[in-house]
Amino acid sequence: MKIVTIIVLVVIVLFFLLPILSGNASIPGDISAREIGEFIGGFVGYWIEALKTMLSAL
């Protein structure tokens, strides 16, 4: 049970951390709507591109 919990936590952390580390989603400097929108846009854009790459490889 502990191993499953650790694996789930690692997957969740990677899900949020990969777009930030790749530079697609910059961490917002303040809580303005523009900053949050750019973060979410970069985050979603990263995962859309990742899915396109994975599906084209199949």
PDB file of N, CA and C in Angstrom:
ATOM      1  N   MET A   1       0.819  -1.188   0.000  1.00  0.00           N
ATOM      2  CA  MET A   1       0.000   0.000   0.000  1.00  0.00           C
ATOM      3  C   MET A   1       0.864   1.254   0.000  1.00  0.00           C
ATOM      4  N   LYS A   2       1.963   1.255   0.711  1.00  0.00           N
ATOM      5  CA  LYS A   2       2.823   2.432   0.761  1.00  0.00           C
ATOM      6  C   LYS A   2       3.488   2.684  -0.586  1.00  0.00           C
ATOM      7  N   ILE A   3       3.841   1.630  -1.291  1.00  0.00           N
ATOM      8  CA  ILE A   3       4.508   1.784  -2.582  1.00  0.00           C
ATOM      9  C   ILE A   3       3.550   2.405  -3.592  1.00  0.00           C
ATOM     10  N   VAL A   4       2.294   1.982  -3.576  1.00  0.00           N
ATOM     11  CA  VAL A   4       1.305   2.541  -4.499  1.00  0.00           C
ATOM     12  C   VAL A   4       1.119   4.032  -4.223  1.00  0.00           C
ATOM     13  N   THR A   5       1.079   4.413  -2.961  1.00  0.00           N
ATOM     14  CA  THR A   5       0.933   5.818  -2.595  1.00  0.00           C
ATOM     15  C   THR A   5       2.115   6.637  -3.089  1.00  0.00           C
ATOM     16  N   ILE A   6       3.304   6.119  -2.931  1.00  0.00           N
ATOM     17  CA  ILE A   6       4.513   6.821  -3.379  1.00  0.00           C
ATOM     18  C   ILE A   6       4.503   6.963  -4.896  1.00  0.00           C
ATOM     19  N   ILE A   7       4.127   5.920  -5.602  1.00  0.00           N
ATOM     20  CA  ILE A   7       4.083   5.971  -7.065  1.00  0.00           C
ATOM     21  C   ILE A   7       3.064   6.997  -7.537  1.00  0.00           C
ATOM     22  N   VAL A   8       1.895   7.037  -6.902  1.00  0.00           N
ATOM     23  CA  VAL A   8       0.864   8.006  -7.278  1.00  0.00           C
ATOM     24  C   VAL A   8       1.360   9.427  -7.023  1.00  0.00           C
ATOM     25  N   LEU A   9       2.010   9.661  -5.905  1.00  0.00           N
ATOM     26  CA  LEU A   9       2.532  10.993  -5.608  1.00  0.00           C
ATOM     27  C   LEU A   9       3.605  11.416  -6.605  1.00  0.00           C
ATOM     28  N   VAL A  10       4.467  10.503  -7.003  1.00  0.00           N
ATOM     29  CA  VAL A  10       5.511  10.815  -7.988  1.00  0.00           C
ATOM     30  C   VAL A  10       4.886  11.159  -9.334  1.00  0.00           C
ATOM     31  N   VAL A  11       3.870  10.426  -9.736  1.00  0.00           N
ATOM     32  CA  VAL A  11       3.200  10.704 -11.011  1.00  0.00           C
ATOM     33  C   VAL A  11       2.537  12.081 -10.972  1.00  0.00           C
ATOM     34  N   ILE A  12       1.893  12.419  -9.865  1.00  0.00           N
ATOM     35  CA  ILE A  12       1.244  13.731  -9.739  1.00  0.00           C
ATOM     36  C   ILE A  12       2.284  14.848  -9.781  1.00  0.00           C
ATOM     37  N   VAL A  13       3.391  14.671  -9.082  1.00  0.00           N
ATOM     38  CA  VAL A  13       4.447  15.690  -9.081  1.00  0.00           C
ATOM     39  C   VAL A  13       5.022  15.859 -10.484  1.00  0.00           C
ATOM     40  N   LEU A  14       5.277  14.764 -11.185  1.00  0.00           N
ATOM     41  CA  LEU A  14       5.803  14.859 -12.547  1.00  0.00           C
ATOM     42  C   LEU A  14       4.807  15.523 -13.486  1.00  0.00           C
ATOM     43  N   PHE A  15       3.523  15.257 -13.286  1.00  0.00           N
ATOM     44  CA  PHE A  15       2.486  15.858 -14.125  1.00  0.00           C
ATOM     45  C   PHE A  15       2.539  17.378 -14.046  1.00  0.00           C
ATOM     46  N   PHE A  16       2.783  17.910 -12.874  1.00  0.00           N
ATOM     47  CA  PHE A  16       2.836  19.359 -12.712  1.00  0.00           C
ATOM     48  C   PHE A  16       4.235  19.926 -12.938  1.00  0.00           C
ATOM     49  N   LEU A  17       5.264  19.156 -12.679  1.00  0.00           N
ATOM     50  CA  LEU A  17       6.631  19.674 -12.730  1.00  0.00           C
ATOM     51  C   LEU A  17       7.233  19.661 -14.134  1.00  0.00           C
ATOM     52  N   LEU A  18       6.865  18.700 -14.968  1.00  0.00           N
ATOM     53  CA  LEU A  18       7.459  18.610 -16.308  1.00  0.00           C
ATOM     54  C   LEU A  18       7.229  19.857 -17.158  1.00  0.00           C
ATOM     55  N   PRO A  19       6.011  20.406 -17.216  1.00  0.00           N
ATOM     56  CA  PRO A  19       5.840  21.635 -18.016  1.00  0.00           C
ATOM     57  C   PRO A  19       6.648  22.813 -17.474  1.00  0.00           C
ATOM     58  N   ILE A  20       6.812  22.878 -16.159  1.00  0.00           N
ATOM     59  CA  ILE A  20       7.576  23.977 -15.561  1.00  0.00           C
ATOM     60  C   ILE A  20       9.050  23.817 -15.884  1.00  0.00           C
ATOM     61  N   LEU A  21       9.574  22.607 -15.759  1.00  0.00           N
ATOM     62  CA  LEU A  21      10.992  22.379 -16.030  1.00  0.00           C
ATOM     63  C   LEU A  21      11.336  22.529 -17.504  1.00  0.00           C
ATOM     64  N   SER A  22      10.383  22.240 -18.387  1.00  0.00           N
ATOM     65  CA  SER A  22      10.649  22.379 -19.820  1.00  0.00           C
ATOM     66  C   SER A  22      10.624  23.836 -20.270  1.00  0.00           C
ATOM     67  N   GLY A  23      10.073  24.711 -19.446  1.00  0.00           N
ATOM     68  CA  GLY A  23      10.015  26.120 -19.793  1.00  0.00           C
ATOM     69  C   GLY A  23       8.729  26.534 -20.472  1.00  0.00           C
ATOM     70  N   ASN A  24       7.811  25.617 -20.686  1.00  0.00           N
ATOM     71  CA  ASN A  24       6.540  25.969 -21.324  1.00  0.00           C
ATOM     72  C   ASN A  24       5.618  26.722 -20.385  1.00  0.00           C
ATOM     73  N   ALA A  25       5.623  26.368 -19.109  1.00  0.00           N
ATOM     74  CA  ALA A  25       4.752  27.013 -18.125  1.00  0.00           C
ATOM     75  C   ALA A  25       5.636  27.685 -17.082  1.00  0.00           C
ATOM     76  N   SER A  26       5.706  29.006 -17.149  1.00  0.00           N
ATOM     77  CA  SER A  26       6.505  29.720 -16.154  1.00  0.00           C
ATOM     78  C   SER A  26       5.684  29.930 -14.892  1.00  0.00           C
ATOM     79  N   ILE A  27       6.334  29.846 -13.757  1.00  0.00           N
ATOM     80  CA  ILE A  27       5.651  30.012 -12.480  1.00  0.00           C
ATOM     81  C   ILE A  27       5.198  31.468 -12.362  1.00  0.00           C
ATOM     82  N   PRO A  28       3.926  31.683 -12.041  1.00  0.00           N
ATOM     83  CA  PRO A  28       3.417  33.059 -11.956  1.00  0.00           C
ATOM     84  C   PRO A  28       4.128  33.861 -10.867  1.00  0.00           C
ATOM     85  N   GLY A  29       4.456  35.112 -11.177  1.00  0.00           N
ATOM     86  CA  GLY A  29       5.099  35.987 -10.212  1.00  0.00           C
ATOM     87  C   GLY A  29       4.120  36.586  -9.230  1.00  0.00           C
ATOM     88  N   ASP A  30       2.886  36.796  -9.688  1.00  0.00           N
ATOM     89  CA  ASP A  30       1.841  37.296  -8.796  1.00  0.00           C
ATOM     90  C   ASP A  30       0.536  36.603  -9.159  1.00  0.00           C
ATOM     91  N   ILE A  31      -0.533  36.980  -8.482  1.00  0.00           N
ATOM     92  CA  ILE A  31      -1.804  36.292  -8.684  1.00  0.00           C
ATOM     93  C   ILE A  31      -2.713  37.127  -9.584  1.00  0.00           C
ATOM     94  N   SER A  32      -2.148  37.639 -10.659  1.00  0.00           N
ATOM     95  CA  SER A  32      -2.994  38.368 -11.610  1.00  0.00           C
ATOM     96  C   SER A  32      -3.577  37.375 -12.616  1.00  0.00           C
ATOM     97  N   ALA A  33      -4.670  37.766 -13.212  1.00  0.00           N
ATOM     98  CA  ALA A  33      -5.346  36.887 -14.167  1.00  0.00           C
ATOM     99  C   ALA A  33      -4.451  36.582 -15.364  1.00  0.00           C
ATOM    100  N   ARG A  34      -3.677  37.554 -15.796  1.00  0.00           N
ATOM    101  CA  ARG A  34      -2.793  37.358 -16.946  1.00  0.00           C
ATOM    102  C   ARG A  34      -1.711  36.320 -16.642  1.00  0.00           C
ATOM    103  N   GLU A  35      -1.090  36.432 -15.474  1.00  0.00           N
ATOM    104  CA  GLU A  35      -0.031  35.487 -15.084  1.00  0.00           C
ATOM    105  C   GLU A  35      -0.578  34.068 -14.955  1.00  0.00           C
ATOM    106  N   ILE A  36      -1.723  33.935 -14.314  1.00  0.00           N
ATOM    107  CA  ILE A  36      -2.332  32.613 -14.144  1.00  0.00           C
ATOM    108  C   ILE A  36      -2.739  32.040 -15.498  1.00  0.00           C
ATOM    109  N   GLY A  37      -3.278  32.880 -16.371  1.00  0.00           N
ATOM    110  CA  GLY A  37      -3.664  32.431 -17.703  1.00  0.00           C
ATOM    111  C   GLY A  37      -2.480  31.959 -18.527  1.00  0.00           C
ATOM    112  N   GLU A  38      -1.366  32.682 -18.451  1.00  0.00           N
ATOM    113  CA  GLU A  38      -0.165  32.257 -19.171  1.00  0.00           C
ATOM    114  C   GLU A  38       0.363  30.936 -18.625  1.00  0.00           C
ATOM    115  N   PHE A  39       0.290  30.760 -17.305  1.00  0.00           N
ATOM    116  CA  PHE A  39       0.734  29.500 -16.696  1.00  0.00           C
ATOM    117  C   PHE A  39      -0.137  28.341 -17.161  1.00  0.00           C
ATOM    118  N   ILE A  40      -1.445  28.516 -17.095  1.00  0.00           N
ATOM    119  CA  ILE A  40      -2.364  27.444 -17.499  1.00  0.00           C
ATOM    120  C   ILE A  40      -2.233  27.167 -18.996  1.00  0.00           C
ATOM    121  N   GLY A  41      -2.086  28.213 -19.793  1.00  0.00           N
ATOM    122  CA  GLY A  41      -1.909  28.030 -21.233  1.00  0.00           C
ATOM    123  C   GLY A  41      -0.640  27.259 -21.567  1.00  0.00           C
ATOM    124  N   GLY A  42       0.446  27.578 -20.897  1.00  0.00           N
ATOM    125  CA  GLY A  42       1.689  26.839 -21.107  1.00  0.00           C
ATOM    126  C   GLY A  42       1.585  25.405 -20.641  1.00  0.00           C
ATOM    127  N   PHE A  43       0.906  25.208 -19.535  1.00  0.00           N
ATOM    128  CA  PHE A  43       0.716  23.874 -18.966  1.00  0.00           C
ATOM    129  C   PHE A  43      -0.093  22.990 -19.915  1.00  0.00           C
ATOM    130  N   VAL A  44      -1.219  23.519 -20.376  1.00  0.00           N
ATOM    131  CA  VAL A  44      -2.082  22.757 -21.286  1.00  0.00           C
ATOM    132  C   VAL A  44      -1.396  22.564 -22.633  1.00  0.00           C
ATOM    133  N   GLY A  45      -0.720  23.590 -23.112  1.00  0.00           N
ATOM    134  CA  GLY A  45      -0.001  23.473 -24.379  1.00  0.00           C
ATOM    135  C   GLY A  45       1.070  22.398 -24.346  1.00  0.00           C
ATOM    136  N   TYR A  46       1.764  22.290 -23.212  1.00  0.00           N
ATOM    137  CA  TYR A  46       2.796  21.258 -23.068  1.00  0.00           C
ATOM    138  C   TYR A  46       2.181  19.866 -23.196  1.00  0.00           C
ATOM    139  N   TRP A  47       1.083  19.642 -22.486  1.00  0.00           N
ATOM    140  CA  TRP A  47       0.492  18.302 -22.501  1.00  0.00           C
ATOM    141  C   TRP A  47      -0.181  17.987 -23.827  1.00  0.00           C
ATOM    142  N   ILE A  48      -0.696  18.982 -24.527  1.00  0.00           N
ATOM    143  CA  ILE A  48      -1.255  18.736 -25.860  1.00  0.00           C
ATOM    144  C   ILE A  48      -0.145  18.321 -26.818  1.00  0.00           C
ATOM    145  N   GLU A  49       0.977  19.036 -26.774  1.00  0.00           N
ATOM    146  CA  GLU A  49       2.111  18.674 -27.628  1.00  0.00           C
ATOM    147  C   GLU A  49       2.667  17.299 -27.264  1.00  0.00           C
ATOM    148  N   ALA A  50       2.714  16.994 -25.977  1.00  0.00           N
ATOM    149  CA  ALA A  50       3.201  15.680 -25.552  1.00  0.00           C
ATOM    150  C   ALA A  50       2.285  14.573 -26.057  1.00  0.00           C
ATOM    151  N   LEU A  51       0.978  14.783 -25.977  1.00  0.00           N
ATOM    152  CA  LEU A  51       0.034  13.779 -26.472  1.00  0.00           C
ATOM    153  C   LEU A  51       0.131  13.622 -27.987  1.00  0.00           C
ATOM    154  N   LYS A  52       0.285  14.744 -28.709  1.00  0.00           N
ATOM    155  CA  LYS A  52       0.452  14.665 -30.164  1.00  0.00           C
ATOM    156  C   LYS A  52       1.706  13.871 -30.519  1.00  0.00           C
ATOM    157  N   THR A  53       2.784  14.103 -29.797  1.00  0.00           N
ATOM    158  CA  THR A  53       4.034  13.391 -30.054  1.00  0.00           C
ATOM    159  C   THR A  53       3.880  11.907 -29.768  1.00  0.00           C
ATOM    160  N   MET A  54       3.221  11.579 -28.662  1.00  0.00           N
ATOM    161  CA  MET A  54       3.030  10.167 -28.315  1.00  0.00           C
ATOM    162  C   MET A  54       2.142   9.469 -29.337  1.00  0.00           C
ATOM    163  N   LEU A  55       1.062  10.136 -29.769  1.00  0.00           N
ATOM    164  CA  LEU A  55       0.155   9.504 -30.717  1.00  0.00           C
ATOM    165  C   LEU A  55       0.760   9.378 -32.107  1.00  0.00           C
ATOM    166  N   SER A  56       1.594  10.323 -32.494  1.00  0.00           N
ATOM    167  CA  SER A  56       2.226  10.223 -33.809  1.00  0.00           C
ATOM    168  C   SER A  56       3.300   9.142 -33.827  1.00  0.00           C
ATOM    169  N   ALA A  57       3.862   8.824 -32.670  1.00  0.00           N
ATOM    170  CA  ALA A  57       4.863   7.767 -32.603  1.00  0.00           C
ATOM    171  C   ALA A  57       4.226   6.382 -32.716  1.00  0.00           C
ATOM    172  N   LEU A  58       2.950   6.298 -32.433  1.00  0.00           N
ATOM    173  CA  LEU A  58       2.265   5.013 -32.551  1.00  0.00           C
ATOM    174  C   LEU A  58       1.943   4.758 -33.991  1.00  0.00           C
TER     175      LEU A  58
END
